[in-house]
Structure formats: structure tokens, C-alpha cells
Amino acid sequence: MKEIIDRKLYDTSTANLIASDDYWDGRNTTRQGRNSYLYKTVKGNFFVHRITHWQGELDSITPLSKDEAMEIYESLPEKAMEYKEAFGVDPEIA
């Protein structure tokens, strides 16, 4: 999916997937008809791509700040990148 937001092109085919809630349960890969995919662009910008299978809803792309992306990363169960690789820092020790 491609979308221009604030004069910037966000493109899922050229960005790197960081995390998602996509999983295979034996029948499908959707969570209640919706999935979220967190991406990082080649310029280091973050966005979330939300896909829906519900009639009347549209797929969307939402640009994120680094802090917002970190929060979403923590909530998504399927990690395609390690935290440091995605954000350039190690998570803080608890």
C-alpha cells in the first residue's frame, strides 16, 4: 500500500517491517478481521499499516513518532526486528 501524507510517500513495499500481529491460527492470519503492521522507512520514519477485512472499513497508513512506534512495537506480538535494530537503542533495563 502507498499513501502520501504531509507530502511524504509511505510505501509498505519499500519500508522494513518491524513488528505485526499477523499470525497463522490454522485457518487464517487475521485478528478479528484486522491486522496492524509497524514499518520503518529507509529514511528512518515510522508508520503503522492497518488492514481490515470488514465491509465499510478501509485499510490505512498512519505516520508515527519514534515514541509512538516504540509503544506499538511493545504491543505487537510478532517481532520482525529486534528492538535495537528497529530503534537504534537498547531498551532500558527495568
PDB file of N, CA and C in Angstrom:
ATOM      1  N   MET A   1       0.847  -1.168   0.000  1.00  0.00           N
ATOM      2  CA  MET A   1       0.000   0.000   0.000  1.00  0.00           C
ATOM      3  C   MET A   1       0.894   1.233   0.000  1.00  0.00           C
ATOM      4  N   LYS A   2       0.485   2.237  -0.729  1.00  0.00           N
ATOM      5  CA  LYS A   2       1.187   3.513  -0.773  1.00  0.00           C
ATOM      6  C   LYS A   2       0.210   4.613  -0.389  1.00  0.00           C
ATOM      7  N   GLU A   3       0.720   5.584   0.352  1.00  0.00           N
ATOM      8  CA  GLU A   3      -0.114   6.730   0.696  1.00  0.00           C
ATOM      9  C   GLU A   3       0.783   7.945   0.916  1.00  0.00           C
ATOM     10  N   ILE A   4       0.352   9.089   0.395  1.00  0.00           N
ATOM     11  CA  ILE A   4       1.072  10.341   0.609  1.00  0.00           C
ATOM     12  C   ILE A   4       0.392  11.081   1.747  1.00  0.00           C
ATOM     13  N   ILE A   5       1.183  11.390   2.787  1.00  0.00           N
ATOM     14  CA  ILE A   5       0.677  12.100   3.964  1.00  0.00           C
ATOM     15  C   ILE A   5       1.659  13.210   4.284  1.00  0.00           C
ATOM     16  N   ASP A   6       1.172  14.434   4.373  1.00  0.00           N
ATOM     17  CA  ASP A   6       2.021  15.603   4.626  1.00  0.00           C
ATOM     18  C   ASP A   6       3.192  15.654   3.651  1.00  0.00           C
ATOM     19  N   ARG A   7       2.895  15.413   2.370  1.00  0.00           N
ATOM     20  CA  ARG A   7       3.862  15.483   1.275  1.00  0.00           C
ATOM     21  C   ARG A   7       4.970  14.427   1.364  1.00  0.00           C
ATOM     22  N   LYS A   8       4.746  13.368   2.148  1.00  0.00           N
ATOM     23  CA  LYS A   8       5.701  12.263   2.254  1.00  0.00           C
ATOM     24  C   LYS A   8       5.024  10.985   1.779  1.00  0.00           C
ATOM     25  N   LEU A   9       5.759  10.197   0.993  1.00  0.00           N
ATOM     26  CA  LEU A   9       5.240   8.931   0.497  1.00  0.00           C
ATOM     27  C   LEU A   9       5.588   7.808   1.472  1.00  0.00           C
ATOM     28  N   TYR A  10       4.578   7.134   1.951  1.00  0.00           N
ATOM     29  CA  TYR A  10       4.732   5.955   2.805  1.00  0.00           C
ATOM     30  C   TYR A  10       4.357   4.754   1.950  1.00  0.00           C
ATOM     31  N   ASP A  11       5.277   3.795   1.833  1.00  0.00           N
ATOM     32  CA  ASP A  11       5.104   2.673   0.926  1.00  0.00           C
ATOM     33  C   ASP A  11       5.516   1.378   1.636  1.00  0.00           C
ATOM     34  N   THR A  12       4.577   0.475   1.803  1.00  0.00           N
ATOM     35  CA  THR A  12       4.875  -0.776   2.502  1.00  0.00           C
ATOM     36  C   THR A  12       5.824  -1.665   1.700  1.00  0.00           C
ATOM     37  N   SER A  13       5.915  -1.472   0.399  1.00  0.00           N
ATOM     38  CA  SER A  13       6.790  -2.331  -0.411  1.00  0.00           C
ATOM     39  C   SER A  13       8.254  -1.923  -0.334  1.00  0.00           C
ATOM     40  N   THR A  14       8.549  -0.701   0.123  1.00  0.00           N
ATOM     41  CA  THR A  14       9.942  -0.263   0.229  1.00  0.00           C
ATOM     42  C   THR A  14      10.390  -0.072   1.676  1.00  0.00           C
ATOM     43  N   ALA A  15       9.462  -0.085   2.613  1.00  0.00           N
ATOM     44  CA  ALA A  15       9.792   0.074   4.035  1.00  0.00           C
ATOM     45  C   ALA A  15      10.119  -1.293   4.637  1.00  0.00           C
ATOM     46  N   ASN A  16      10.734  -1.273   5.810  1.00  0.00           N
ATOM     47  CA  ASN A  16      11.096  -2.505   6.515  1.00  0.00           C
ATOM     48  C   ASN A  16      10.081  -2.810   7.605  1.00  0.00           C
ATOM     49  N   LEU A  17       9.566  -4.026   7.587  1.00  0.00           N
ATOM     50  CA  LEU A  17       8.613  -4.459   8.614  1.00  0.00           C
ATOM     51  C   LEU A  17       9.351  -4.637   9.933  1.00  0.00           C
ATOM     52  N   ILE A  18       8.810  -4.051  10.994  1.00  0.00           N
ATOM     53  CA  ILE A  18       9.403  -4.147  12.329  1.00  0.00           C
ATOM     54  C   ILE A  18       8.655  -5.165  13.178  1.00  0.00           C
ATOM     55  N   ALA A  19       7.331  -5.087  13.170  1.00  0.00           N
ATOM     56  CA  ALA A  19       6.510  -5.973  14.006  1.00  0.00           C
ATOM     57  C   ALA A  19       5.085  -5.999  13.465  1.00  0.00           C
ATOM     58  N   SER A  20       4.332  -7.021  13.891  1.00  0.00           N
ATOM     59  CA  SER A  20       2.932  -7.129  13.460  1.00  0.00           C
ATOM     60  C   SER A  20       2.154  -8.002  14.438  1.00  0.00           C
ATOM     61  N   ASP A  21       0.861  -8.073  14.196  1.00  0.00           N
ATOM     62  CA  ASP A  21       0.037  -9.021  14.940  1.00  0.00           C
ATOM     63  C   ASP A  21      -0.510 -10.092  13.994  1.00  0.00           C
ATOM     64  N   ASP A  22       0.166 -10.259  12.865  1.00  0.00           N
ATOM     65  CA  ASP A  22      -0.180 -11.268  11.872  1.00  0.00           C
ATOM     66  C   ASP A  22       0.269 -12.635  12.382  1.00  0.00           C
ATOM     67  N   TYR A  23      -0.593 -13.613  12.352  1.00  0.00           N
ATOM     68  CA  TYR A  23      -0.239 -14.958  12.785  1.00  0.00           C
ATOM     69  C   TYR A  23      -1.144 -15.957  12.080  1.00  0.00           C
ATOM     70  N   TRP A  24      -0.704 -17.186  12.013  1.00  0.00           N
ATOM     71  CA  TRP A  24      -1.486 -18.246  11.391  1.00  0.00           C
ATOM     72  C   TRP A  24      -2.100 -19.099  12.489  1.00  0.00           C
ATOM     73  N   ASP A  25      -3.418 -19.181  12.532  1.00  0.00           N
ATOM     74  CA  ASP A  25      -4.088 -19.974  13.564  1.00  0.00           C
ATOM     75  C   ASP A  25      -4.604 -21.305  13.022  1.00  0.00           C
ATOM     76  N   GLY A  26      -4.173 -21.654  11.829  1.00  0.00           N
ATOM     77  CA  GLY A  26      -4.630 -22.889  11.204  1.00  0.00           C
ATOM     78  C   GLY A  26      -5.718 -22.663  10.176  1.00  0.00           C
ATOM     79  N   ARG A  27      -6.359 -21.499  10.247  1.00  0.00           N
ATOM     80  CA  ARG A  27      -7.423 -21.169   9.295  1.00  0.00           C
ATOM     81  C   ARG A  27      -7.196 -19.826   8.615  1.00  0.00           C
ATOM     82  N   ASN A  28      -6.683 -18.846   9.359  1.00  0.00           N
ATOM     83  CA  ASN A  28      -6.479 -17.529   8.770  1.00  0.00           C
ATOM     84  C   ASN A  28      -5.381 -16.785   9.529  1.00  0.00           C
ATOM     85  N   THR A  29      -5.058 -15.593   9.050  1.00  0.00           N
ATOM     86  CA  THR A  29      -3.985 -14.807   9.666  1.00  0.00           C
ATOM     87  C   THR A  29      -4.490 -13.502  10.271  1.00  0.00           C
ATOM     88  N   THR A  30      -5.779 -13.349  10.397  1.00  0.00           N
ATOM     89  CA  THR A  30      -6.311 -12.080  10.892  1.00  0.00           C
ATOM     90  C   THR A  30      -6.767 -12.180  12.336  1.00  0.00           C
ATOM     91  N   ARG A  31      -6.706 -11.074  13.011  1.00  0.00           N
ATOM     92  CA  ARG A  31      -7.185 -10.976  14.391  1.00  0.00           C
ATOM     93  C   ARG A  31      -8.493 -10.198  14.361  1.00  0.00           C
ATOM     94  N   GLN A  32      -9.579 -10.917  14.465  1.00  0.00           N
ATOM     95  CA  GLN A  32     -10.912 -10.303  14.451  1.00  0.00           C
ATOM     96  C   GLN A  32     -11.121  -9.417  13.228  1.00  0.00           C
ATOM     97  N   GLY A  33     -10.544  -9.836  12.098  1.00  0.00           N
ATOM     98  CA  GLY A  33     -10.752  -9.109  10.846  1.00  0.00           C
ATOM     99  C   GLY A  33      -9.836  -7.937  10.620  1.00  0.00           C
ATOM    100  N   ARG A  34      -8.863  -7.723  11.512  1.00  0.00           N
ATOM    101  CA  ARG A  34      -7.952  -6.583  11.382  1.00  0.00           C
ATOM    102  C   ARG A  34      -6.531  -7.001  11.746  1.00  0.00           C
ATOM    103  N   ASN A  35      -5.552  -6.394  11.069  1.00  0.00           N
ATOM    104  CA  ASN A  35      -4.148  -6.605  11.407  1.00  0.00           C
ATOM    105  C   ASN A  35      -3.419  -5.271  11.389  1.00  0.00           C
ATOM    106  N   SER A  36      -2.366  -5.173  12.208  1.00  0.00           N
ATOM    107  CA  SER A  36      -1.510  -3.994  12.243  1.00  0.00           C
ATOM    108  C   SER A  36      -0.081  -4.410  11.929  1.00  0.00           C
ATOM    109  N   TYR A  37       0.590  -3.589  11.103  1.00  0.00           N
ATOM    110  CA  TYR A  37       1.961  -3.824  10.696  1.00  0.00           C
ATOM    111  C   TYR A  37       2.756  -2.541  10.926  1.00  0.00           C
ATOM    112  N   LEU A  38       3.810  -2.634  11.710  1.00  0.00           N
ATOM    113  CA  LEU A  38       4.659  -1.483  12.020  1.00  0.00           C
ATOM    114  C   LEU A  38       5.856  -1.492  11.087  1.00  0.00           C
ATOM    115  N   TYR A  39       6.111  -0.362  10.431  1.00  0.00           N
ATOM    116  CA  TYR A  39       7.184  -0.244   9.452  1.00  0.00           C
ATOM    117  C   TYR A  39       8.125   0.916   9.793  1.00  0.00           C
ATOM    118  N   LYS A  40       9.347   0.801   9.242  1.00  0.00           N
ATOM    119  CA  LYS A  40      10.337   1.872   9.291  1.00  0.00           C
ATOM    120  C   LYS A  40      10.790   2.124   7.860  1.00  0.00           C
ATOM    121  N   THR A  41      10.748   3.392   7.440  1.00  0.00           N
ATOM    122  CA  THR A  41      11.160   3.733   6.080  1.00  0.00           C
ATOM    123  C   THR A  41      12.681   3.765   5.977  1.00  0.00           C
ATOM    124  N   VAL A  42      13.173   3.818   4.759  1.00  0.00           N
ATOM    125  CA  VAL A  42      14.625   3.881   4.555  1.00  0.00           C
ATOM    126  C   VAL A  42      15.213   5.173   5.115  1.00  0.00           C
ATOM    127  N   LYS A  43      14.385   6.199   5.292  1.00  0.00           N
ATOM    128  CA  LYS A  43      14.844   7.459   5.891  1.00  0.00           C
ATOM    129  C   LYS A  43      14.670   7.484   7.401  1.00  0.00           C
ATOM    130  N   GLY A  44      14.193   6.377   7.984  1.00  0.00           N
ATOM    131  CA  GLY A  44      14.071   6.284   9.433  1.00  0.00           C
ATOM    132  C   GLY A  44      12.761   6.770  10.010  1.00  0.00           C
ATOM    133  N   ASN A  45      11.757   6.983   9.168  1.00  0.00           N
ATOM    134  CA  ASN A  45      10.430   7.362   9.658  1.00  0.00           C
ATOM    135  C   ASN A  45       9.617   6.102   9.936  1.00  0.00           C
ATOM    136  N   PHE A  46       8.673   6.227  10.856  1.00  0.00           N
ATOM    137  CA  PHE A  46       7.856   5.089  11.262  1.00  0.00           C
ATOM    138  C   PHE A  46       6.407   5.291  10.851  1.00  0.00           C
ATOM    139  N   PHE A  47       5.731   4.176  10.539  1.00  0.00           N
ATOM    140  CA  PHE A  47       4.295   4.238  10.278  1.00  0.00           C
ATOM    141  C   PHE A  47       3.679   2.885  10.575  1.00  0.00           C
ATOM    142  N   VAL A  48       2.379   2.919  10.829  1.00  0.00           N
ATOM    143  CA  VAL A  48       1.626   1.681  11.032  1.00  0.00           C
ATOM    144  C   VAL A  48       0.644   1.537   9.873  1.00  0.00           C
ATOM    145  N   HIS A  49       0.604   0.333   9.327  1.00  0.00           N
ATOM    146  CA  HIS A  49      -0.326  -0.007   8.252  1.00  0.00           C
ATOM    147  C   HIS A  49      -1.381  -0.913   8.860  1.00  0.00           C
ATOM    148  N   ARG A  50      -2.605  -0.462   8.839  1.00  0.00           N
ATOM    149  CA  ARG A  50      -3.704  -1.254   9.390  1.00  0.00           C
ATOM    150  C   ARG A  50      -4.546  -1.798   8.243  1.00  0.00           C
ATOM    151  N   ILE A  51      -4.752  -3.113   8.266  1.00  0.00           N
ATOM    152  CA  ILE A  51      -5.526  -3.802   7.237  1.00  0.00           C
ATOM    153  C   ILE A  51      -6.812  -4.311   7.869  1.00  0.00           C
ATOM    154  N   THR A  52      -7.904  -4.165   7.141  1.00  0.00           N
ATOM    155  CA  THR A  52      -9.192  -4.644   7.628  1.00  0.00           C
ATOM    156  C   THR A  52      -9.848  -5.534   6.577  1.00  0.00           C
ATOM    157  N   HIS A  53     -10.614  -6.481   7.056  1.00  0.00           N
ATOM    158  CA  HIS A  53     -11.402  -7.346   6.177  1.00  0.00           C
ATOM    159  C   HIS A  53     -12.897  -7.074   6.354  1.00  0.00           C
ATOM    160  N   TRP A  54     -13.208  -6.013   7.065  1.00  0.00           N
ATOM    161  CA  TRP A  54     -14.599  -5.668   7.341  1.00  0.00           C
ATOM    162  C   TRP A  54     -15.147  -4.755   6.266  1.00  0.00           C
ATOM    163  N   GLN A  55     -16.331  -5.074   5.810  1.00  0.00           N
ATOM    164  CA  GLN A  55     -17.004  -4.252   4.818  1.00  0.00           C
ATOM    165  C   GLN A  55     -17.263  -2.871   5.409  1.00  0.00           C
ATOM    166  N   GLY A  56     -16.994  -1.841   4.629  1.00  0.00           N
ATOM    167  CA  GLY A  56     -17.222  -0.472   5.076  1.00  0.00           C
ATOM    168  C   GLY A  56     -16.011   0.162   5.749  1.00  0.00           C
ATOM    169  N   GLU A  57     -14.980  -0.628   6.050  1.00  0.00           N
ATOM    170  CA  GLU A  57     -13.746  -0.086   6.620  1.00  0.00           C
ATOM    171  C   GLU A  57     -12.671  -0.082   5.543  1.00  0.00           C
ATOM    172  N   LEU A  58     -11.736   0.857   5.651  1.00  0.00           N
ATOM    173  CA  LEU A  58     -10.652   0.970   4.681  1.00  0.00           C
ATOM    174  C   LEU A  58      -9.311   0.699   5.343  1.00  0.00           C
ATOM    175  N   ASP A  59      -8.387   0.109   4.586  1.00  0.00           N
ATOM    176  CA  ASP A  59      -7.016  -0.021   5.052  1.00  0.00           C
ATOM    177  C   ASP A  59      -6.444   1.382   5.224  1.00  0.00           C
ATOM    178  N   SER A  60      -5.474   1.545   6.127  1.00  0.00           N
ATOM    179  CA  SER A  60      -4.930   2.877   6.370  1.00  0.00           C
ATOM    180  C   SER A  60      -3.453   2.826   6.711  1.00  0.00           C
ATOM    181  N   ILE A  61      -2.799   3.959   6.512  1.00  0.00           N
ATOM    182  CA  ILE A  61      -1.425   4.181   6.935  1.00  0.00           C
ATOM    183  C   ILE A  61      -1.425   5.394   7.843  1.00  0.00           C
ATOM    184  N   THR A  62      -0.759   5.277   8.994  1.00  0.00           N
ATOM    185  CA  THR A  62      -0.671   6.375   9.945  1.00  0.00           C
ATOM    186  C   THR A  62       0.795   6.615  10.293  1.00  0.00           C
ATOM    187  N   PRO A  63       1.336   7.807   9.990  1.00  0.00           N
ATOM    188  CA  PRO A  63       2.706   8.126  10.394  1.00  0.00           C
ATOM    189  C   PRO A  63       2.804   8.178  11.917  1.00  0.00           C
ATOM    190  N   LEU A  64       3.978   7.805  12.451  1.00  0.00           N
ATOM    191  CA  LEU A  64       4.179   7.765  13.893  1.00  0.00           C
ATOM    192  C   LEU A  64       5.489   8.455  14.269  1.00  0.00           C
ATOM    193  N   SER A  65       5.513   9.010  15.467  1.00  0.00           N
ATOM    194  CA  SER A  65       6.775   9.466  16.032  1.00  0.00           C
ATOM    195  C   SER A  65       7.544   8.227  16.496  1.00  0.00           C
ATOM    196  N   LYS A  66       8.808   8.399  16.803  1.00  0.00           N
ATOM    197  CA  LYS A  66       9.605   7.272  17.300  1.00  0.00           C
ATOM    198  C   LYS A  66       9.016   6.724  18.594  1.00  0.00           C
ATOM    199  N   ASP A  67       8.592   7.611  19.503  1.00  0.00           N
ATOM    200  CA  ASP A  67       7.990   7.168  20.769  1.00  0.00           C
ATOM    201  C   ASP A  67       6.697   6.383  20.535  1.00  0.00           C
ATOM    202  N   GLU A  68       5.861   6.854  19.615  1.00  0.00           N
ATOM    203  CA  GLU A  68       4.622   6.136  19.295  1.00  0.00           C
ATOM    204  C   GLU A  68       4.939   4.762  18.706  1.00  0.00           C
ATOM    205  N   ALA A  69       5.954   4.708  17.833  1.00  0.00           N
ATOM    206  CA  ALA A  69       6.349   3.439  17.229  1.00  0.00           C
ATOM    207  C   ALA A  69       6.857   2.469  18.289  1.00  0.00           C
ATOM    208  N   MET A  70       7.599   2.971  19.267  1.00  0.00           N
ATOM    209  CA  MET A  70       8.099   2.118  20.350  1.00  0.00           C
ATOM    210  C   MET A  70       6.940   1.526  21.152  1.00  0.00           C
ATOM    211  N   GLU A  71       5.926   2.323  21.413  1.00  0.00           N
ATOM    212  CA  GLU A  71       4.758   1.835  22.152  1.00  0.00           C
ATOM    213  C   GLU A  71       4.021   0.750  21.369  1.00  0.00           C
ATOM    214  N   ILE A  72       3.831   0.979  20.081  1.00  0.00           N
ATOM    215  CA  ILE A  72       3.133  -0.009  19.254  1.00  0.00           C
ATOM    216  C   ILE A  72       3.968  -1.279  19.137  1.00  0.00           C
ATOM    217  N   TYR A  73       5.280  -1.130  19.000  1.00  0.00           N
ATOM    218  CA  TYR A  73       6.180  -2.286  18.930  1.00  0.00           C
ATOM    219  C   TYR A  73       5.969  -3.202  20.136  1.00  0.00           C
ATOM    220  N   GLU A  74       5.898  -2.603  21.307  1.00  0.00           N
ATOM    221  CA  GLU A  74       5.716  -3.378  22.539  1.00  0.00           C
ATOM    222  C   GLU A  74       4.393  -4.140  22.546  1.00  0.00           C
ATOM    223  N   SER A  75       3.374  -3.599  21.885  1.00  0.00           N
ATOM    224  CA  SER A  75       2.051  -4.228  21.914  1.00  0.00           C
ATOM    225  C   SER A  75       1.857  -5.299  20.842  1.00  0.00           C
ATOM    226  N   LEU A  76       2.732  -5.337  19.841  1.00  0.00           N
ATOM    227  CA  LEU A  76       2.576  -6.307  18.755  1.00  0.00           C
ATOM    228  C   LEU A  76       3.354  -7.586  19.066  1.00  0.00           C
ATOM    229  N   PRO A  77       2.733  -8.748  18.958  1.00  0.00           N
ATOM    230  CA  PRO A  77       3.376  -9.996  19.380  1.00  0.00           C
ATOM    231  C   PRO A  77       4.433 -10.557  18.427  1.00  0.00           C
ATOM    232  N   GLU A  78       4.330 -10.271  17.154  1.00  0.00           N
ATOM    233  CA  GLU A  78       5.256 -10.846  16.173  1.00  0.00           C
ATOM    234  C   GLU A  78       6.327  -9.819  15.816  1.00  0.00           C
ATOM    235  N   LYS A  79       7.564 -10.058  16.258  1.00  0.00           N
ATOM    236  CA  LYS A  79       8.665  -9.122  16.021  1.00  0.00           C
ATOM    237  C   LYS A  79       9.474  -9.571  14.811  1.00  0.00           C
ATOM    238  N   ALA A  80       9.575  -8.708  13.819  1.00  0.00           N
ATOM    239  CA  ALA A  80      10.394  -8.990  12.639  1.00  0.00           C
ATOM    240  C   ALA A  80      11.805  -8.439  12.822  1.00  0.00           C
ATOM    241  N   MET A  81      11.976  -7.486  13.748  1.00  0.00           N
ATOM    242  CA  MET A  81      13.273  -6.878  14.056  1.00  0.00           C
ATOM    243  C   MET A  81      13.442  -6.814  15.554  1.00  0.00           C
ATOM    244  N   GLU A  82      14.677  -6.918  15.987  1.00  0.00           N
ATOM    245  CA  GLU A  82      14.986  -6.697  17.396  1.00  0.00           C
ATOM    246  C   GLU A  82      14.823  -5.209  17.709  1.00  0.00           C
ATOM    247  N   TYR A  83      14.582  -4.885  18.961  1.00  0.00           N
ATOM    248  CA  TYR A  83      14.348  -3.512  19.417  1.00  0.00           C
ATOM    249  C   TYR A  83      15.483  -2.573  18.991  1.00  0.00           C
ATOM    250  N   LYS A  84      16.721  -2.974  19.248  1.00  0.00           N
ATOM    251  CA  LYS A  84      17.865  -2.114  18.932  1.00  0.00           C
ATOM    252  C   LYS A  84      17.995  -1.890  17.431  1.00  0.00           C
ATOM    253  N   GLU A  85      17.739  -2.917  16.649  1.00  0.00           N
ATOM    254  CA  GLU A  85      17.801  -2.775  15.200  1.00  0.00           C
ATOM    255  C   GLU A  85      16.734  -1.795  14.703  1.00  0.00           C
ATOM    256  N   ALA A  86      15.553  -1.875  15.283  1.00  0.00           N
ATOM    257  CA  ALA A  86      14.445  -1.023  14.860  1.00  0.00           C
ATOM    258  C   ALA A  86      14.612   0.421  15.298  1.00  0.00           C
ATOM    259  N   PHE A  87      15.098   0.637  16.533  1.00  0.00           N
ATOM    260  CA  PHE A  87      15.087   1.984  17.105  1.00  0.00           C
ATOM    261  C   PHE A  87      16.464   2.569  17.383  1.00  0.00           C
ATOM    262  N   GLY A  88      17.521   1.781  17.202  1.00  0.00           N
ATOM    263  CA  GLY A  88      18.876   2.292  17.356  1.00  0.00           C
ATOM    264  C   GLY A  88      19.355   2.395  18.785  1.00  0.00           C
ATOM    265  N   VAL A  89      18.571   1.914  19.729  1.00  0.00           N
ATOM    266  CA  VAL A  89      18.940   1.937  21.154  1.00  0.00           C
ATOM    267  C   VAL A  89      18.483   0.633  21.787  1.00  0.00           C
ATOM    268  N   ASP A  90      19.164   0.279  22.884  1.00  0.00           N
ATOM    269  CA  ASP A  90      18.718  -0.871  23.665  1.00  0.00           C
ATOM    270  C   ASP A  90      17.558  -0.441  24.547  1.00  0.00           C
ATOM    271  N   PRO A  91      16.627  -1.357  24.849  1.00  0.00           N
ATOM    272  CA  PRO A  91      15.575  -0.998  25.804  1.00  0.00           C
ATOM    273  C   PRO A  91      16.199  -0.737  27.168  1.00  0.00           C
ATOM    274  N   GLU A  92      15.565   0.141  27.918  1.00  0.00           N
ATOM    275  CA  GLU A  92      16.042   0.465  29.262  1.00  0.00           C
ATOM    276  C   GLU A  92      15.888  -0.753  30.164  1.00  0.00           C
ATOM    277  N   ILE A  93      16.889  -0.965  31.014  1.00  0.00           N
ATOM    278  CA  ILE A  93      16.840  -2.073  31.976  1.00  0.00           C
ATOM    279  C   ILE A  93      15.841  -1.730  33.076  1.00  0.00           C
ATOM    280  N   ALA A  94      14.974  -2.684  33.387  1.00  0.00           N
ATOM    281  CA  ALA A  94      13.929  -2.446  34.408  1.00  0.00           C
ATOM    282  C   ALA A  94      14.519  -2.462  35.799  1.00  0.00           C
TER     283      ALA A  94
END
